[in-house]
Amino acid sequence: MKISEIARLLNGKLENFTQDKEIKNLKSVETATEDDITFLKTKKDLDKALISNLNNFKTNQDK
């Protein structure tokens, strides 16, 4: 499934979006690669994602 399709289904907002890649798997932040997507629940998860090769992640932002 493409990144844009996932964002649409989740009513998500794409930021810094340059390439509509095909996502292959849903994985944890520790094991995800550039073809996977993960959900970041904590600031610690976000910090891990920012220093990894993880490109595709969803966060739960406060409203």
N, C-alpha and C. Protein backbone atom coordinates (compact mmCIF):
# COMPACT_ATOMS: atom_id res chain seq x y z
N MET A 1 0.84 -1.16 0.00
CA MET A 1 0.00 0.00 0.00
C MET A 1 0.90 1.24 0.00
N LYS A 2 0.50 2.25 -0.71
CA LYS A 2 1.28 3.50 -0.80
C LYS A 2 1.10 4.37 0.45
N ILE A 3 2.11 5.19 0.73
CA ILE A 3 2.08 6.09 1.88
C ILE A 3 0.85 6.99 1.83
N SER A 4 0.55 7.54 0.67
CA SER A 4 -0.60 8.45 0.55
C SER A 4 -1.91 7.74 0.86
N GLU A 5 -2.04 6.47 0.50
CA GLU A 5 -3.25 5.70 0.80
C GLU A 5 -3.40 5.49 2.30
N ILE A 6 -2.30 5.16 2.97
CA ILE A 6 -2.33 4.96 4.42
C ILE A 6 -2.73 6.26 5.12
N ALA A 7 -2.14 7.37 4.71
CA ALA A 7 -2.46 8.66 5.31
C ALA A 7 -3.93 9.00 5.12
N ARG A 8 -4.45 8.75 3.94
CA ARG A 8 -5.86 9.04 3.66
C ARG A 8 -6.77 8.20 4.55
N LEU A 9 -6.48 6.91 4.68
CA LEU A 9 -7.30 6.01 5.50
C LEU A 9 -7.29 6.38 6.98
N LEU A 10 -6.17 6.94 7.44
CA LEU A 10 -6.02 7.34 8.84
C LEU A 10 -6.37 8.80 9.09
N ASN A 11 -6.85 9.49 8.02
CA ASN A 11 -7.09 10.93 8.11
C ASN A 11 -5.83 11.64 8.58
N GLY A 12 -4.69 11.18 8.07
CA GLY A 12 -3.40 11.71 8.48
C GLY A 12 -2.92 12.85 7.61
N LYS A 13 -1.89 13.50 8.08
CA LYS A 13 -1.28 14.63 7.38
C LYS A 13 0.14 14.22 7.01
N LEU A 14 0.50 14.37 5.75
CA LEU A 14 1.85 14.05 5.29
C LEU A 14 2.73 15.28 5.41
N GLU A 15 3.87 15.13 6.06
CA GLU A 15 4.82 16.23 6.20
C GLU A 15 6.14 15.82 5.57
N ASN A 16 6.80 16.76 4.93
CA ASN A 16 8.08 16.49 4.25
C ASN A 16 7.92 15.32 3.28
N PHE A 17 6.82 15.29 2.58
CA PHE A 17 6.46 14.19 1.69
C PHE A 17 7.02 14.45 0.30
N THR A 18 7.90 13.57 -0.17
CA THR A 18 8.49 13.75 -1.50
C THR A 18 8.30 12.56 -2.41
N GLN A 19 8.07 11.38 -1.85
CA GLN A 19 7.98 10.17 -2.67
C GLN A 19 6.88 9.26 -2.12
N ASP A 20 5.94 8.88 -2.99
CA ASP A 20 4.83 8.02 -2.59
C ASP A 20 5.27 6.56 -2.68
N LYS A 21 6.02 6.13 -1.68
CA LYS A 21 6.60 4.78 -1.67
C LYS A 21 5.58 3.72 -1.32
N GLU A 22 5.86 2.52 -1.75
CA GLU A 22 5.09 1.34 -1.38
C GLU A 22 5.59 0.85 -0.01
N ILE A 23 4.69 0.70 0.93
CA ILE A 23 5.04 0.21 2.26
C ILE A 23 4.87 -1.30 2.27
N LYS A 24 5.88 -2.01 2.75
CA LYS A 24 5.86 -3.48 2.72
C LYS A 24 5.38 -4.10 4.03
N ASN A 25 5.73 -3.50 5.18
CA ASN A 25 5.41 -4.10 6.47
C ASN A 25 5.14 -3.05 7.53
N LEU A 26 4.47 -3.46 8.59
CA LEU A 26 4.32 -2.69 9.81
C LEU A 26 5.25 -3.33 10.83
N LYS A 27 6.20 -2.54 11.37
CA LYS A 27 7.18 -3.09 12.31
C LYS A 27 7.40 -2.13 13.47
N SER A 28 8.07 -2.64 14.49
CA SER A 28 8.41 -1.80 15.65
C SER A 28 9.46 -0.78 15.24
N VAL A 29 9.60 0.26 16.04
CA VAL A 29 10.59 1.29 15.74
C VAL A 29 12.01 0.71 15.76
N GLU A 30 12.22 -0.34 16.55
CA GLU A 30 13.55 -0.95 16.64
C GLU A 30 13.90 -1.78 15.40
N THR A 31 12.92 -2.32 14.71
CA THR A 31 13.21 -3.23 13.59
C THR A 31 12.79 -2.69 12.23
N ALA A 32 12.12 -1.56 12.17
CA ALA A 32 11.64 -1.02 10.90
C ALA A 32 12.79 -0.55 10.02
N THR A 33 12.61 -0.74 8.71
CA THR A 33 13.57 -0.25 7.72
C THR A 33 12.87 0.77 6.82
N GLU A 34 13.54 1.23 5.80
CA GLU A 34 12.98 2.29 4.96
C GLU A 34 11.73 1.87 4.18
N ASP A 35 11.45 0.60 4.04
CA ASP A 35 10.26 0.13 3.33
C ASP A 35 9.11 -0.22 4.28
N ASP A 36 9.27 0.06 5.57
CA ASP A 36 8.27 -0.28 6.58
C ASP A 36 7.65 0.99 7.15
N ILE A 37 6.59 0.80 7.90
CA ILE A 37 5.97 1.90 8.63
C ILE A 37 5.85 1.47 10.09
N THR A 38 5.91 2.44 10.99
CA THR A 38 5.77 2.16 12.42
C THR A 38 4.96 3.26 13.06
N PHE A 39 4.46 3.01 14.24
CA PHE A 39 3.72 4.00 15.01
C PHE A 39 4.57 4.40 16.20
N LEU A 40 4.77 5.70 16.36
CA LEU A 40 5.59 6.21 17.45
C LEU A 40 4.68 6.66 18.59
N LYS A 41 4.82 6.01 19.75
CA LYS A 41 3.95 6.31 20.88
C LYS A 41 4.57 7.28 21.88
N THR A 42 5.88 7.34 21.92
CA THR A 42 6.54 8.16 22.94
C THR A 42 7.63 9.03 22.31
N LYS A 43 8.10 10.00 23.06
CA LYS A 43 9.22 10.84 22.58
C LYS A 43 10.45 9.97 22.38
N LYS A 44 10.64 8.97 23.21
CA LYS A 44 11.77 8.06 23.06
C LYS A 44 11.71 7.34 21.71
N ASP A 45 10.51 6.90 21.30
CA ASP A 45 10.34 6.27 19.99
C ASP A 45 10.70 7.25 18.87
N LEU A 46 10.26 8.50 19.01
CA LEU A 46 10.57 9.51 18.00
C LEU A 46 12.07 9.73 17.91
N ASP A 47 12.74 9.82 19.04
CA ASP A 47 14.19 9.99 19.05
C ASP A 47 14.88 8.83 18.32
N LYS A 48 14.42 7.61 18.56
CA LYS A 48 14.99 6.44 17.88
C LYS A 48 14.78 6.54 16.37
N ALA A 49 13.59 6.96 15.97
CA ALA A 49 13.28 7.06 14.54
C ALA A 49 14.13 8.11 13.86
N LEU A 50 14.37 9.22 14.54
CA LEU A 50 15.13 10.31 13.94
C LEU A 50 16.60 9.97 13.72
N ILE A 51 17.15 9.04 14.51
CA ILE A 51 18.56 8.68 14.33
C ILE A 51 18.73 7.39 13.52
N SER A 52 17.63 6.84 13.04
CA SER A 52 17.71 5.60 12.26
C SER A 52 17.48 5.90 10.79
N ASN A 53 17.38 4.84 9.99
CA ASN A 53 17.07 5.01 8.57
C ASN A 53 15.57 4.91 8.34
N LEU A 54 14.79 5.06 9.39
CA LEU A 54 13.34 4.98 9.30
C LEU A 54 12.79 6.24 8.63
N ASN A 55 12.04 6.06 7.57
CA ASN A 55 11.51 7.18 6.81
C ASN A 55 10.01 7.38 6.99
N ASN A 56 9.29 6.34 7.34
CA ASN A 56 7.83 6.39 7.32
C ASN A 56 7.28 6.06 8.70
N PHE A 57 6.76 7.07 9.37
CA PHE A 57 6.20 6.80 10.68
C PHE A 57 5.00 7.68 10.94
N LYS A 58 4.14 7.21 11.82
CA LYS A 58 2.93 7.90 12.21
C LYS A 58 3.04 8.23 13.68
N THR A 59 2.70 9.46 14.04
CA THR A 59 2.71 9.86 15.44
C THR A 59 1.30 10.15 15.90
N ASN A 60 1.09 10.12 17.20
CA ASN A 60 -0.19 10.44 17.79
C ASN A 60 -0.04 11.81 18.44
N GLN A 61 -0.44 12.86 17.73
CA GLN A 61 -0.25 14.21 18.21
C GLN A 61 -1.42 14.64 19.07
N ASP A 62 -1.13 15.42 20.12
CA ASP A 62 -2.20 15.98 20.96
C ASP A 62 -2.98 16.99 20.16
N LYS A 63 -4.28 17.04 20.41
CA LYS A 63 -5.14 18.00 19.68
C LYS A 63 -5.40 19.23 20.51
